Every structure is written in structure tokens, then in C-alpha cells.
Amino acid sequence: MKILYKLITLLKGANNMDKNRARELAIISDKIRKNVLTAVYSAASGHPGGSLSISDILSVLYFDEMNVDPSNPSDPDRDRFVLSKGHC
């Protein structure tokens, strides 16, 4: 959680986000990691490293920066996120 908070303060500046929001995003990031591990374990296959390494950045982008509305996925003004980590 401390790493994500440091990342957020570097990306956005300490004055732009309060500690409560940083904690919320850290919790979301932890849930992403848990879901990654659950999926890999359930499939008995996979390489979780790439997904685990992007969870902090993904949580800040998707849940704090991007213009997305899950209840309106066909909004033409929504932001789109394309990620390709290839074979890292």
C-alpha cells in the first residue's frame, strides 16, 4: 500500500489527492492482485507477473483518471485503455 501511495504522489502531486483516496486505490489494487492470483490458480496455468506488476498503475488510471462509466459502455466520449505488455 505504501508503494502505491508513493506512486500516486509522484504522478499527481501530493496536493491533488488526499490520503483516503490513495488508500481506496491501494485497496482496489490489492483486489486486482487477488483476482489475478485466483484466476491463475483456478486455471492451473498462467504467468501472473505481468498482471501483478501493472495493478497499481491500472487502478490509478482506470478508477481515478480515465473517463469511464461502466453503466454506459457505449459512450462515444469514453476513454479507452489499450495495454500490451507482450512477453515481459
C-alpha atoms as a PDB file:
ATOM      1  CA  MET A   1       0.000   0.000   0.000  1.00  0.00           C
ATOM      2  CA  LYS A   2       2.894   2.377   0.737  1.00  0.00           C
ATOM      3  CA  ILE A   3       4.313   1.842  -2.746  1.00  0.00           C
ATOM      4  CA  LEU A   4       1.016   2.811  -4.399  1.00  0.00           C
ATOM      5  CA  TYR A   5       0.727   5.930  -2.258  1.00  0.00           C
ATOM      6  CA  LYS A   6       4.239   6.972  -3.272  1.00  0.00           C
ATOM      7  CA  LEU A   7       3.400   6.302  -6.917  1.00  0.00           C
ATOM      8  CA  ILE A   8       0.245   8.394  -6.703  1.00  0.00           C
ATOM      9  CA  THR A   9       2.046  11.316  -5.087  1.00  0.00           C
ATOM     10  CA  LEU A  10       4.722  11.179  -7.772  1.00  0.00           C
ATOM     11  CA  LEU A  11       2.217  11.038 -10.626  1.00  0.00           C
ATOM     12  CA  LYS A  12      -0.329  13.521  -9.332  1.00  0.00           C
ATOM     13  CA  GLY A  13       1.488  15.576  -6.745  1.00  0.00           C
ATOM     14  CA  ALA A  14       0.860  15.378  -3.020  1.00  0.00           C
ATOM     15  CA  ASN A  15      -1.736  18.160  -3.019  1.00  0.00           C
ATOM     16  CA  ASN A  16      -4.003  16.643  -5.673  1.00  0.00           C
ATOM     17  CA  MET A  17      -5.111  13.524  -3.825  1.00  0.00           C
ATOM     18  CA  ASP A  18      -5.923  13.019  -0.191  1.00  0.00           C
ATOM     19  CA  LYS A  19      -4.718  10.044   1.798  1.00  0.00           C
ATOM     20  CA  ASN A  20      -8.186   8.461   1.917  1.00  0.00           C
ATOM     21  CA  ARG A  21      -8.398   8.297  -1.873  1.00  0.00           C
ATOM     22  CA  ALA A  22      -4.891   6.871  -2.058  1.00  0.00           C
ATOM     23  CA  ARG A  23      -5.924   4.173   0.427  1.00  0.00           C
ATOM     24  CA  GLU A  24      -9.051   3.399  -1.612  1.00  0.00           C
ATOM     25  CA  LEU A  25      -6.953   2.957  -4.739  1.00  0.00           C
ATOM     26  CA  ALA A  26      -4.486   0.763  -2.845  1.00  0.00           C
ATOM     27  CA  ILE A  27      -7.375  -1.482  -1.758  1.00  0.00           C
ATOM     28  CA  ILE A  28      -8.602  -1.701  -5.359  1.00  0.00           C
ATOM     29  CA  SER A  29      -5.081  -2.597  -6.446  1.00  0.00           C
ATOM     30  CA  ASP A  30      -4.925  -5.349  -3.814  1.00  0.00           C
ATOM     31  CA  LYS A  31      -8.242  -6.736  -5.084  1.00  0.00           C
ATOM     32  CA  ILE A  32      -6.862  -6.773  -8.638  1.00  0.00           C
ATOM     33  CA  ARG A  33      -3.848  -8.748  -7.423  1.00  0.00           C
ATOM     34  CA  LYS A  34      -6.080 -11.201  -5.557  1.00  0.00           C
ATOM     35  CA  ASN A  35      -8.231 -11.722  -8.661  1.00  0.00           C
ATOM     36  CA  VAL A  36      -5.120 -12.324 -10.778  1.00  0.00           C
ATOM     37  CA  LEU A  37      -3.866 -14.993  -8.380  1.00  0.00           C
ATOM     38  CA  THR A  38      -7.312 -16.593  -8.120  1.00  0.00           C
ATOM     39  CA  ALA A  39      -7.629 -16.771 -11.907  1.00  0.00           C
ATOM     40  CA  VAL A  40      -4.159 -18.263 -12.386  1.00  0.00           C
ATOM     41  CA  TYR A  41      -4.736 -20.783  -9.601  1.00  0.00           C
ATOM     42  CA  SER A  42      -8.192 -21.749 -10.918  1.00  0.00           C
ATOM     43  CA  ALA A  43      -6.843 -22.261 -14.425  1.00  0.00           C
ATOM     44  CA  ALA A  44      -3.819 -24.135 -13.084  1.00  0.00           C
ATOM     45  CA  SER A  45      -1.868 -22.190 -15.686  1.00  0.00           C
ATOM     46  CA  GLY A  46      -0.647 -18.721 -16.469  1.00  0.00           C
ATOM     47  CA  HIS A  47       2.029 -16.161 -15.792  1.00  0.00           C
ATOM     48  CA  PRO A  48       0.825 -13.691 -13.141  1.00  0.00           C
ATOM     49  CA  GLY A  49       3.931 -11.468 -13.089  1.00  0.00           C
ATOM     50  CA  GLY A  50       2.849  -9.067 -15.808  1.00  0.00           C
ATOM     51  CA  SER A  51      -0.622  -8.607 -14.355  1.00  0.00           C
ATOM     52  CA  LEU A  52       0.659  -8.187 -10.824  1.00  0.00           C
ATOM     53  CA  SER A  53       3.202  -5.585 -11.873  1.00  0.00           C
ATOM     54  CA  ILE A  54       0.636  -3.337 -13.573  1.00  0.00           C
ATOM     55  CA  SER A  55      -2.105  -3.435 -10.894  1.00  0.00           C
ATOM     56  CA  ASP A  56      -1.105  -0.179  -9.153  1.00  0.00           C
ATOM     57  CA  ILE A  57      -0.889   1.832 -12.353  1.00  0.00           C
ATOM     58  CA  LEU A  58      -4.103   0.286 -13.678  1.00  0.00           C
ATOM     59  CA  SER A  59      -6.056   1.136 -10.541  1.00  0.00           C
ATOM     60  CA  VAL A  60      -4.966   4.796 -10.634  1.00  0.00           C
ATOM     61  CA  LEU A  61      -5.652   5.171 -14.352  1.00  0.00           C
ATOM     62  CA  TYR A  62      -8.991   3.363 -14.526  1.00  0.00           C
ATOM     63  CA  PHE A  63     -10.525   4.364 -11.201  1.00  0.00           C
ATOM     64  CA  ASP A  64      -9.190   7.907 -10.880  1.00  0.00           C
ATOM     65  CA  GLU A  65      -8.020   9.345 -14.197  1.00  0.00           C
ATOM     66  CA  MET A  66      -9.961   7.814 -17.064  1.00  0.00           C
ATOM     67  CA  ASN A  67     -13.381   8.919 -18.220  1.00  0.00           C
ATOM     68  CA  VAL A  68     -15.292   5.624 -17.979  1.00  0.00           C
ATOM     69  CA  ASP A  69     -18.831   4.818 -16.944  1.00  0.00           C
ATOM     70  CA  PRO A  70     -19.493   1.077 -16.556  1.00  0.00           C
ATOM     71  CA  SER A  71     -23.237   1.735 -16.767  1.00  0.00           C
ATOM     72  CA  ASN A  72     -22.765   3.350 -20.208  1.00  0.00           C
ATOM     73  CA  PRO A  73     -20.065   1.347 -22.031  1.00  0.00           C
ATOM     74  CA  SER A  74     -21.033   2.621 -25.477  1.00  0.00           C
ATOM     75  CA  ASP A  75     -20.496   6.310 -24.626  1.00  0.00           C
ATOM     76  CA  PRO A  76     -18.559   7.678 -27.619  1.00  0.00           C
ATOM     77  CA  ASP A  77     -16.680  10.118 -25.357  1.00  0.00           C
ATOM     78  CA  ARG A  78     -15.345   7.443 -23.000  1.00  0.00           C
ATOM     79  CA  ASP A  79     -11.642   6.899 -22.650  1.00  0.00           C
ATOM     80  CA  ARG A  80     -10.183   3.677 -23.960  1.00  0.00           C
ATOM     81  CA  PHE A  81      -7.299   1.802 -22.391  1.00  0.00           C
ATOM     82  CA  VAL A  82      -5.123  -0.424 -24.532  1.00  0.00           C
ATOM     83  CA  LEU A  83      -2.300  -2.299 -22.871  1.00  0.00           C
ATOM     84  CA  SER A  84       0.180  -4.665 -24.412  1.00  0.00           C
ATOM     85  CA  LYS A  85       2.930  -5.919 -22.173  1.00  0.00           C
ATOM     86  CA  GLY A  86       3.955  -8.599 -24.631  1.00  0.00           C
ATOM     87  CA  HIS A  87       6.387 -11.073 -23.192  1.00  0.00           C
ATOM     88  CA  CYS A  88       7.934  -9.129 -20.361  1.00  0.00           C
END
